Amino acid sequence: MAVGSSAAGFLADSLIAAGNSVTLVRKAVQSVSMLIPAAALLILANPAITPPVAVAAMTIALGVTSLGQAGFVANMSDIAPKQAGQMFGLCNTFGCLSGIMGVLSVGFVVEATGSFVPVFQITAALYVFAVVCWNLMCTGERVF
């Protein structure tokens, strides 16, 4: 992910330097960083896949997620340059809380169904929902 995060930064900077708006670039890289993992999770939801395909899908899902460093994470500095650290801390707090709830939820779902398939499907659906929300609400302009 370190290589992917750095590459995402170079990609985003290059796109902005080429004349694309900051908002467009943030929306694009963040959308890719969520849609490709969603597709990979749907592949993982197939119980008949082979272990090499599962490893490849998981690697792709986690690797492409690193593009979000040039989307969501960088966007905090765009919209609130003087408060970016506070925003990042707040976002990490909510991320940690959702991580705790996510682990509990996965345990309940797997115990109830005996399978990770619904977990992968729900997570993929949440990624798609997040892309819709991100593209409706994201801006690269300073907000405060």
C-alpha atoms as a PDB file:
ATOM      1  CA  MET A   1       0.000   0.000   0.000  1.00  0.00           C
ATOM      2  CA  ALA A   2       2.917   2.356   0.564  1.00  0.00           C
ATOM      3  CA  VAL A   3       3.896   2.137  -3.099  1.00  0.00           C
ATOM      4  CA  GLY A   4       0.267   2.520  -4.194  1.00  0.00           C
ATOM      5  CA  SER A   5      -0.267   5.528  -1.944  1.00  0.00           C
ATOM      6  CA  SER A   6       2.818   7.272  -3.303  1.00  0.00           C
ATOM      7  CA  ALA A   7       1.862   6.424  -6.878  1.00  0.00           C
ATOM      8  CA  ALA A   8      -1.647   7.756  -6.224  1.00  0.00           C
ATOM      9  CA  GLY A   9      -0.177  11.058  -5.077  1.00  0.00           C
ATOM     10  CA  PHE A  10       1.954  11.367  -8.198  1.00  0.00           C
ATOM     11  CA  LEU A  11      -1.037  10.434 -10.366  1.00  0.00           C
ATOM     12  CA  ALA A  12      -3.318  12.984  -8.713  1.00  0.00           C
ATOM     13  CA  ASP A  13      -0.687  15.727  -8.861  1.00  0.00           C
ATOM     14  CA  SER A  14      -0.087  14.978 -12.546  1.00  0.00           C
ATOM     15  CA  LEU A  15      -3.799  15.118 -13.338  1.00  0.00           C
ATOM     16  CA  ILE A  16      -4.179  18.435 -11.502  1.00  0.00           C
ATOM     17  CA  ALA A  17      -1.050  19.855 -13.180  1.00  0.00           C
ATOM     18  CA  ALA A  18      -2.536  18.844 -16.542  1.00  0.00           C
ATOM     19  CA  GLY A  19      -5.437  21.205 -15.892  1.00  0.00           C
ATOM     20  CA  ASN A  20      -8.052  18.946 -14.317  1.00  0.00           C
ATOM     21  CA  SER A  21      -9.961  20.412 -11.407  1.00  0.00           C
ATOM     22  CA  VAL A  22      -9.059  19.287  -7.906  1.00  0.00           C
ATOM     23  CA  THR A  23     -12.676  18.208  -7.377  1.00  0.00           C
ATOM     24  CA  LEU A  24     -12.660  16.030 -10.488  1.00  0.00           C
ATOM     25  CA  VAL A  25      -9.369  14.387  -9.549  1.00  0.00           C
ATOM     26  CA  ARG A  26     -10.435  13.723  -5.944  1.00  0.00           C
ATOM     27  CA  LYS A  27     -13.744  12.249  -7.112  1.00  0.00           C
ATOM     28  CA  ALA A  28     -12.096  10.097  -9.767  1.00  0.00           C
ATOM     29  CA  VAL A  29      -9.306   8.556  -7.702  1.00  0.00           C
ATOM     30  CA  GLN A  30     -11.559   7.964  -4.711  1.00  0.00           C
ATOM     31  CA  SER A  31     -14.228   6.359  -6.901  1.00  0.00           C
ATOM     32  CA  VAL A  32     -11.684   3.990  -8.426  1.00  0.00           C
ATOM     33  CA  SER A  33     -10.305   3.245  -4.961  1.00  0.00           C
ATOM     34  CA  MET A  34     -13.751   2.003  -3.928  1.00  0.00           C
ATOM     35  CA  LEU A  35     -15.270   0.505  -7.091  1.00  0.00           C
ATOM     36  CA  ILE A  36     -12.416  -1.862  -7.936  1.00  0.00           C
ATOM     37  CA  PRO A  37     -12.313  -3.280  -4.394  1.00  0.00           C
ATOM     38  CA  ALA A  38     -16.102  -3.685  -4.559  1.00  0.00           C
ATOM     39  CA  ALA A  39     -15.717  -5.781  -7.703  1.00  0.00           C
ATOM     40  CA  ALA A  40     -12.908  -7.786  -6.093  1.00  0.00           C
ATOM     41  CA  LEU A  41     -15.106  -8.469  -3.062  1.00  0.00           C
ATOM     42  CA  LEU A  42     -17.861  -9.766  -5.317  1.00  0.00           C
ATOM     43  CA  ILE A  43     -15.326 -12.163  -6.826  1.00  0.00           C
ATOM     44  CA  LEU A  44     -14.410 -13.250  -3.295  1.00  0.00           C
ATOM     45  CA  ALA A  45     -18.111 -13.837  -2.585  1.00  0.00           C
ATOM     46  CA  ASN A  46     -18.078 -16.759  -5.020  1.00  0.00           C
ATOM     47  CA  PRO A  47     -17.486 -19.854  -2.849  1.00  0.00           C
ATOM     48  CA  ALA A  48     -16.193 -21.810  -5.852  1.00  0.00           C
ATOM     49  CA  ILE A  49     -13.157 -19.621  -6.571  1.00  0.00           C
ATOM     50  CA  THR A  50      -9.712 -21.135  -6.322  1.00  0.00           C
ATOM     51  CA  PRO A  51      -7.188 -20.006  -3.697  1.00  0.00           C
ATOM     52  CA  PRO A  52      -4.962 -18.220  -6.276  1.00  0.00           C
ATOM     53  CA  VAL A  53      -7.962 -16.247  -7.556  1.00  0.00           C
ATOM     54  CA  ALA A  54      -8.957 -15.407  -3.978  1.00  0.00           C
ATOM     55  CA  VAL A  55      -5.450 -14.169  -3.183  1.00  0.00           C
ATOM     56  CA  ALA A  56      -5.371 -12.106  -6.381  1.00  0.00           C
ATOM     57  CA  ALA A  57      -8.788 -10.574  -5.649  1.00  0.00           C
ATOM     58  CA  MET A  58      -7.811  -9.706  -2.078  1.00  0.00           C
ATOM     59  CA  THR A  59      -4.485  -8.241  -3.222  1.00  0.00           C
ATOM     60  CA  ILE A  60      -6.249  -6.102  -5.821  1.00  0.00           C
ATOM     61  CA  ALA A  61      -8.884  -4.986  -3.301  1.00  0.00           C
ATOM     62  CA  LEU A  62      -6.301  -3.905  -0.748  1.00  0.00           C
ATOM     63  CA  GLY A  63      -3.820  -2.490  -3.255  1.00  0.00           C
ATOM     64  CA  VAL A  64      -6.267  -0.304  -5.144  1.00  0.00           C
ATOM     65  CA  THR A  65      -7.705   1.001  -1.872  1.00  0.00           C
ATOM     66  CA  SER A  66      -4.426   2.910  -1.497  1.00  0.00           C
ATOM     67  CA  LEU A  67      -5.618   5.302  -4.224  1.00  0.00           C
ATOM     68  CA  GLY A  68      -7.846   6.769  -1.528  1.00  0.00           C
ATOM     69  CA  GLN A  69      -4.775   8.528  -0.151  1.00  0.00           C
ATOM     70  CA  ALA A  70      -5.034  10.887  -3.133  1.00  0.00           C
ATOM     71  CA  GLY A  71      -8.815  11.114  -2.807  1.00  0.00           C
ATOM     72  CA  PHE A  72     -10.432  11.230   0.607  1.00  0.00           C
ATOM     73  CA  VAL A  73      -7.287  11.737   2.675  1.00  0.00           C
ATOM     74  CA  ALA A  74      -5.842  14.520   0.511  1.00  0.00           C
ATOM     75  CA  ASN A  75      -9.246  16.160   0.254  1.00  0.00           C
ATOM     76  CA  MET A  76      -9.095  17.173   3.906  1.00  0.00           C
ATOM     77  CA  SER A  77      -6.234  19.538   3.088  1.00  0.00           C
ATOM     78  CA  ASP A  78      -8.190  20.895   0.123  1.00  0.00           C
ATOM     79  CA  ILE A  79     -11.346  21.783   2.009  1.00  0.00           C
ATOM     80  CA  ALA A  80      -9.848  22.811   5.358  1.00  0.00           C
ATOM     81  CA  PRO A  81      -6.149  23.632   5.067  1.00  0.00           C
ATOM     82  CA  LYS A  82      -5.849  25.060   8.588  1.00  0.00           C
ATOM     83  CA  GLN A  83      -7.949  22.338  10.227  1.00  0.00           C
ATOM     84  CA  ALA A  84      -6.805  19.317   8.188  1.00  0.00           C
ATOM     85  CA  GLY A  85      -5.162  17.653  11.194  1.00  0.00           C
ATOM     86  CA  GLN A  86      -8.311  17.982  13.273  1.00  0.00           C
ATOM     87  CA  MET A  87     -10.441  16.659  10.431  1.00  0.00           C
ATOM     88  CA  PHE A  88      -8.109  13.720   9.927  1.00  0.00           C
ATOM     89  CA  GLY A  89      -8.273  12.903  13.646  1.00  0.00           C
ATOM     90  CA  LEU A  90     -12.071  13.086  13.625  1.00  0.00           C
ATOM     91  CA  CYS A  91     -12.306  10.895  10.528  1.00  0.00           C
ATOM     92  CA  ASN A  92      -9.918   8.360  12.054  1.00  0.00           C
ATOM     93  CA  THR A  93     -12.037   8.290  15.214  1.00  0.00           C
ATOM     94  CA  PHE A  94     -15.166   7.438  13.257  1.00  0.00           C
ATOM     95  CA  GLY A  95     -13.162   4.973  11.156  1.00  0.00           C
ATOM     96  CA  CYS A  96     -11.974   3.176  14.289  1.00  0.00           C
ATOM     97  CA  LEU A  97     -15.492   3.050  15.709  1.00  0.00           C
ATOM     98  CA  SER A  98     -16.846   1.606  12.478  1.00  0.00           C
ATOM     99  CA  GLY A  99     -13.966  -0.879  12.492  1.00  0.00           C
ATOM    100  CA  ILE A 100     -14.988  -2.088  15.932  1.00  0.00           C
ATOM    101  CA  MET A 101     -18.624  -2.404  14.877  1.00  0.00           C
ATOM    102  CA  GLY A 102     -17.576  -4.063  11.627  1.00  0.00           C
ATOM    103  CA  VAL A 103     -15.684  -6.828  13.424  1.00  0.00           C
ATOM    104  CA  LEU A 104     -18.673  -7.497  15.679  1.00  0.00           C
ATOM    105  CA  SER A 105     -21.055  -7.473  12.716  1.00  0.00           C
ATOM    106  CA  VAL A 106     -18.896  -9.876  10.700  1.00  0.00           C
ATOM    107  CA  GLY A 107     -18.829 -12.253  13.650  1.00  0.00           C
ATOM    108  CA  PHE A 108     -22.622 -12.225  13.922  1.00  0.00           C
ATOM    109  CA  VAL A 109     -23.142 -12.641  10.179  1.00  0.00           C
ATOM    110  CA  VAL A 110     -20.653 -15.499   9.852  1.00  0.00           C
ATOM    111  CA  GLU A 111     -22.078 -17.216  12.916  1.00  0.00           C
ATOM    112  CA  ALA A 112     -25.618 -16.879  11.590  1.00  0.00           C
ATOM    113  CA  THR A 113     -24.882 -17.902   8.000  1.00  0.00           C
ATOM    114  CA  GLY A 114     -21.752 -20.016   8.281  1.00  0.00           C
ATOM    115  CA  SER A 115     -20.251 -18.033   5.399  1.00  0.00           C
ATOM    116  CA  PHE A 116     -18.321 -14.881   4.555  1.00  0.00           C
ATOM    117  CA  VAL A 117     -20.314 -14.481   1.314  1.00  0.00           C
ATOM    118  CA  PRO A 118     -22.862 -12.037   2.807  1.00  0.00           C
ATOM    119  CA  VAL A 119     -20.030 -10.078   4.415  1.00  0.00           C
ATOM    120  CA  PHE A 120     -18.304  -9.592   1.062  1.00  0.00           C
ATOM    121  CA  GLN A 121     -21.606  -8.699  -0.633  1.00  0.00           C
ATOM    122  CA  ILE A 122     -22.609  -6.173   2.042  1.00  0.00           C
ATOM    123  CA  THR A 123     -19.160  -4.594   1.997  1.00  0.00           C
ATOM    124  CA  ALA A 124     -19.255  -4.301  -1.804  1.00  0.00           C
ATOM    125  CA  ALA A 125     -22.682  -2.657  -1.581  1.00  0.00           C
ATOM    126  CA  LEU A 126     -21.381  -0.214   1.033  1.00  0.00           C
ATOM    127  CA  TYR A 127     -18.492   0.683  -1.280  1.00  0.00           C
ATOM    128  CA  VAL A 128     -20.941   1.471  -4.101  1.00  0.00           C
ATOM    129  CA  PHE A 129     -23.117   3.518  -1.732  1.00  0.00           C
ATOM    130  CA  ALA A 130     -20.015   5.408  -0.578  1.00  0.00           C
ATOM    131  CA  VAL A 131     -19.060   6.192  -4.194  1.00  0.00           C
ATOM    132  CA  VAL A 132     -22.501   7.682  -4.810  1.00  0.00           C
ATOM    133  CA  CYS A 133     -22.309   9.787  -1.637  1.00  0.00           C
ATOM    134  CA  TRP A 134     -18.735  10.868  -2.355  1.00  0.00           C
ATOM    135  CA  ASN A 135     -19.562  11.995  -5.886  1.00  0.00           C
ATOM    136  CA  LEU A 136     -22.641  13.893  -4.740  1.00  0.00           C
ATOM    137  CA  MET A 137     -20.944  15.718  -1.857  1.00  0.00           C
ATOM    138  CA  CYS A 138     -17.211  15.982  -2.574  1.00  0.00           C
ATOM    139  CA  THR A 139     -15.613  19.261  -3.445  1.00  0.00           C
ATOM    140  CA  GLY A 140     -12.007  20.225  -3.890  1.00  0.00           C
ATOM    141  CA  GLU A 141     -12.751  23.835  -2.995  1.00  0.00           C
ATOM    142  CA  ARG A 142     -11.929  25.330   0.373  1.00  0.00           C
ATOM    143  CA  VAL A 143     -14.929  25.062   2.696  1.00  0.00           C
ATOM    144  CA  PHE A 144     -13.424  26.407   5.934  1.00  0.00           C
END
